[in-house]
Amino acid sequence: MRALSPGELTRQLEAARRELFDLRFRAATKQLVNHREIPRVKRDIARMQTVLREWELAQSDSAE
């Protein structure tokens, strides 16, 4: 993830959020087969947000 550009990472983050929404919807309608997918996607989202935040902090440190 760290090798991706911020734009690519943002696109992947939006896709992961859509996937999480779909998984939650399928879970609510009892159509989700593998319930372990929800925590996996949530962890992926958290990782992406962490990398984006590190990038933002690095940019602000270099601006000072």
N, C-alpha and C. Protein backbone atom coordinates (compact mmCIF):
# COMPACT_ATOMS: atom_id res chain seq x y z
N MET A 1 0.80 -1.19 0.00
CA MET A 1 0.00 0.00 0.00
C MET A 1 0.86 1.26 0.00
N ARG A 2 1.99 1.20 0.65
CA ARG A 2 2.83 2.39 0.73
C ARG A 2 3.43 2.76 -0.62
N ALA A 3 3.48 1.81 -1.54
CA ALA A 3 4.05 2.08 -2.85
C ALA A 3 3.06 2.80 -3.77
N LEU A 4 1.79 2.83 -3.39
CA LEU A 4 0.77 3.47 -4.22
C LEU A 4 0.81 4.98 -4.05
N SER A 5 0.36 5.67 -5.08
CA SER A 5 0.24 7.13 -4.96
C SER A 5 -0.99 7.45 -4.12
N PRO A 6 -1.04 8.65 -3.55
CA PRO A 6 -2.21 9.01 -2.74
C PRO A 6 -3.52 8.93 -3.51
N GLY A 7 -3.50 9.27 -4.79
CA GLY A 7 -4.72 9.18 -5.60
C GLY A 7 -5.20 7.75 -5.76
N GLU A 8 -4.27 6.85 -6.05
CA GLU A 8 -4.61 5.43 -6.19
C GLU A 8 -5.11 4.87 -4.87
N LEU A 9 -4.44 5.26 -3.79
CA LEU A 9 -4.82 4.78 -2.47
C LEU A 9 -6.22 5.27 -2.11
N THR A 10 -6.54 6.50 -2.46
CA THR A 10 -7.86 7.05 -2.19
C THR A 10 -8.93 6.28 -2.98
N ARG A 11 -8.63 5.95 -4.24
CA ARG A 11 -9.58 5.17 -5.04
C ARG A 11 -9.80 3.78 -4.43
N GLN A 12 -8.72 3.16 -3.97
CA GLN A 12 -8.85 1.85 -3.35
C GLN A 12 -9.62 1.94 -2.04
N LEU A 13 -9.44 3.04 -1.31
CA LEU A 13 -10.17 3.24 -0.06
C LEU A 13 -11.66 3.36 -0.34
N GLU A 14 -12.04 4.09 -1.35
CA GLU A 14 -13.47 4.21 -1.70
C GLU A 14 -14.03 2.86 -2.12
N ALA A 15 -13.26 2.09 -2.88
CA ALA A 15 -13.72 0.76 -3.29
C ALA A 15 -13.89 -0.15 -2.08
N ALA A 16 -12.98 -0.06 -1.12
CA ALA A 16 -13.09 -0.89 0.09
C ALA A 16 -14.30 -0.48 0.91
N ARG A 17 -14.59 0.82 0.96
CA ARG A 17 -15.78 1.27 1.69
C ARG A 17 -17.06 0.77 1.04
N ARG A 18 -17.09 0.76 -0.30
CA ARG A 18 -18.25 0.21 -1.01
C ARG A 18 -18.39 -1.28 -0.74
N GLU A 19 -17.25 -1.98 -0.74
CA GLU A 19 -17.26 -3.41 -0.46
C GLU A 19 -17.77 -3.68 0.95
N LEU A 20 -17.35 -2.88 1.92
CA LEU A 20 -17.82 -3.04 3.29
C LEU A 20 -19.32 -2.82 3.36
N PHE A 21 -19.81 -1.80 2.68
CA PHE A 21 -21.25 -1.55 2.64
C PHE A 21 -21.99 -2.75 2.08
N ASP A 22 -21.49 -3.29 0.97
CA ASP A 22 -22.13 -4.46 0.35
C ASP A 22 -22.10 -5.67 1.29
N LEU A 23 -20.97 -5.88 1.96
CA LEU A 23 -20.87 -7.00 2.89
C LEU A 23 -21.85 -6.85 4.05
N ARG A 24 -21.95 -5.65 4.58
CA ARG A 24 -22.90 -5.42 5.68
C ARG A 24 -24.33 -5.61 5.22
N PHE A 25 -24.62 -5.18 4.01
CA PHE A 25 -25.97 -5.36 3.46
C PHE A 25 -26.28 -6.84 3.30
N ARG A 26 -25.32 -7.60 2.75
CA ARG A 26 -25.54 -9.03 2.57
C ARG A 26 -25.65 -9.74 3.92
N ALA A 27 -24.92 -9.27 4.92
CA ALA A 27 -25.02 -9.87 6.25
C ALA A 27 -26.40 -9.61 6.85
N ALA A 28 -26.90 -8.41 6.64
CA ALA A 28 -28.21 -8.05 7.19
C ALA A 28 -29.33 -8.85 6.53
N THR A 29 -29.15 -9.22 5.27
CA THR A 29 -30.17 -9.98 4.56
C THR A 29 -29.89 -11.49 4.58
N LYS A 30 -28.95 -11.89 5.43
CA LYS A 30 -28.60 -13.32 5.62
C LYS A 30 -28.08 -13.97 4.34
N GLN A 31 -27.41 -13.19 3.48
CA GLN A 31 -26.87 -13.74 2.25
C GLN A 31 -25.35 -13.84 2.27
N LEU A 32 -24.73 -13.42 3.37
CA LEU A 32 -23.27 -13.45 3.47
C LEU A 32 -22.82 -14.83 3.91
N VAL A 33 -21.94 -15.44 3.13
CA VAL A 33 -21.46 -16.78 3.42
C VAL A 33 -20.29 -16.75 4.40
N ASN A 34 -19.30 -15.89 4.13
CA ASN A 34 -18.10 -15.83 4.95
C ASN A 34 -18.12 -14.55 5.78
N HIS A 35 -18.45 -14.65 7.04
CA HIS A 35 -18.56 -13.48 7.91
C HIS A 35 -17.21 -12.89 8.27
N ARG A 36 -16.12 -13.59 8.03
CA ARG A 36 -14.79 -13.07 8.33
C ARG A 36 -14.35 -12.00 7.32
N GLU A 37 -15.10 -11.83 6.25
CA GLU A 37 -14.77 -10.81 5.26
C GLU A 37 -14.94 -9.40 5.83
N ILE A 38 -15.91 -9.19 6.69
CA ILE A 38 -16.18 -7.86 7.23
C ILE A 38 -14.99 -7.35 8.03
N PRO A 39 -14.47 -8.09 9.01
CA PRO A 39 -13.29 -7.58 9.74
C PRO A 39 -12.06 -7.40 8.85
N ARG A 40 -11.91 -8.26 7.84
CA ARG A 40 -10.77 -8.13 6.92
C ARG A 40 -10.84 -6.81 6.16
N VAL A 41 -12.01 -6.48 5.65
CA VAL A 41 -12.17 -5.23 4.90
C VAL A 41 -11.99 -4.03 5.83
N LYS A 42 -12.50 -4.14 7.06
CA LYS A 42 -12.34 -3.04 8.01
C LYS A 42 -10.86 -2.79 8.32
N ARG A 43 -10.09 -3.87 8.46
CA ARG A 43 -8.65 -3.72 8.71
C ARG A 43 -7.95 -3.09 7.50
N ASP A 44 -8.36 -3.50 6.30
CA ASP A 44 -7.78 -2.92 5.09
C ASP A 44 -8.06 -1.42 5.02
N ILE A 45 -9.28 -1.03 5.37
CA ILE A 45 -9.65 0.39 5.36
C ILE A 45 -8.78 1.14 6.37
N ALA A 46 -8.61 0.58 7.55
CA ALA A 46 -7.79 1.23 8.57
C ALA A 46 -6.34 1.37 8.11
N ARG A 47 -5.82 0.36 7.45
CA ARG A 47 -4.44 0.44 6.94
C ARG A 47 -4.31 1.54 5.90
N MET A 48 -5.28 1.62 5.00
CA MET A 48 -5.24 2.65 3.97
C MET A 48 -5.32 4.05 4.59
N GLN A 49 -6.19 4.22 5.57
CA GLN A 49 -6.31 5.51 6.23
C GLN A 49 -5.02 5.87 6.96
N THR A 50 -4.37 4.89 7.55
CA THR A 50 -3.11 5.13 8.25
C THR A 50 -2.03 5.59 7.28
N VAL A 51 -1.93 4.93 6.14
CA VAL A 51 -0.92 5.30 5.15
C VAL A 51 -1.20 6.71 4.62
N LEU A 52 -2.47 7.02 4.35
CA LEU A 52 -2.81 8.36 3.88
C LEU A 52 -2.46 9.42 4.93
N ARG A 53 -2.74 9.13 6.18
CA ARG A 53 -2.43 10.08 7.26
C ARG A 53 -0.92 10.27 7.39
N GLU A 54 -0.16 9.19 7.29
CA GLU A 54 1.30 9.30 7.34
C GLU A 54 1.81 10.18 6.20
N TRP A 55 1.22 10.02 5.03
CA TRP A 55 1.61 10.82 3.88
C TRP A 55 1.29 12.29 4.13
N GLU A 56 0.09 12.56 4.69
CA GLU A 56 -0.28 13.94 5.01
C GLU A 56 0.68 14.56 6.02
N LEU A 57 1.03 13.80 7.05
CA LEU A 57 1.95 14.31 8.07
C LEU A 57 3.34 14.56 7.49
N ALA A 58 3.77 13.70 6.61
CA ALA A 58 5.08 13.88 5.98
C ALA A 58 5.07 15.14 5.12
N GLN A 59 3.97 15.41 4.44
CA GLN A 59 3.85 16.60 3.62
C GLN A 59 3.86 17.86 4.48
N SER A 60 3.16 17.81 5.61
CA SER A 60 3.11 19.00 6.46
C SER A 60 4.45 19.24 7.16
N ASP A 61 5.17 18.17 7.49
CA ASP A 61 6.50 18.33 8.09
C ASP A 61 7.49 18.93 7.13
N SER A 62 7.41 18.56 5.87
CA SER A 62 8.34 19.08 4.87
C SER A 62 7.99 20.52 4.51
N ALA A 63 6.74 20.94 4.74
CA ALA A 63 6.34 22.31 4.43
C ALA A 63 6.82 23.29 5.50
N GLU A 64 7.08 22.81 6.68
CA GLU A 64 7.48 23.69 7.78
C GLU A 64 8.94 24.04 7.74
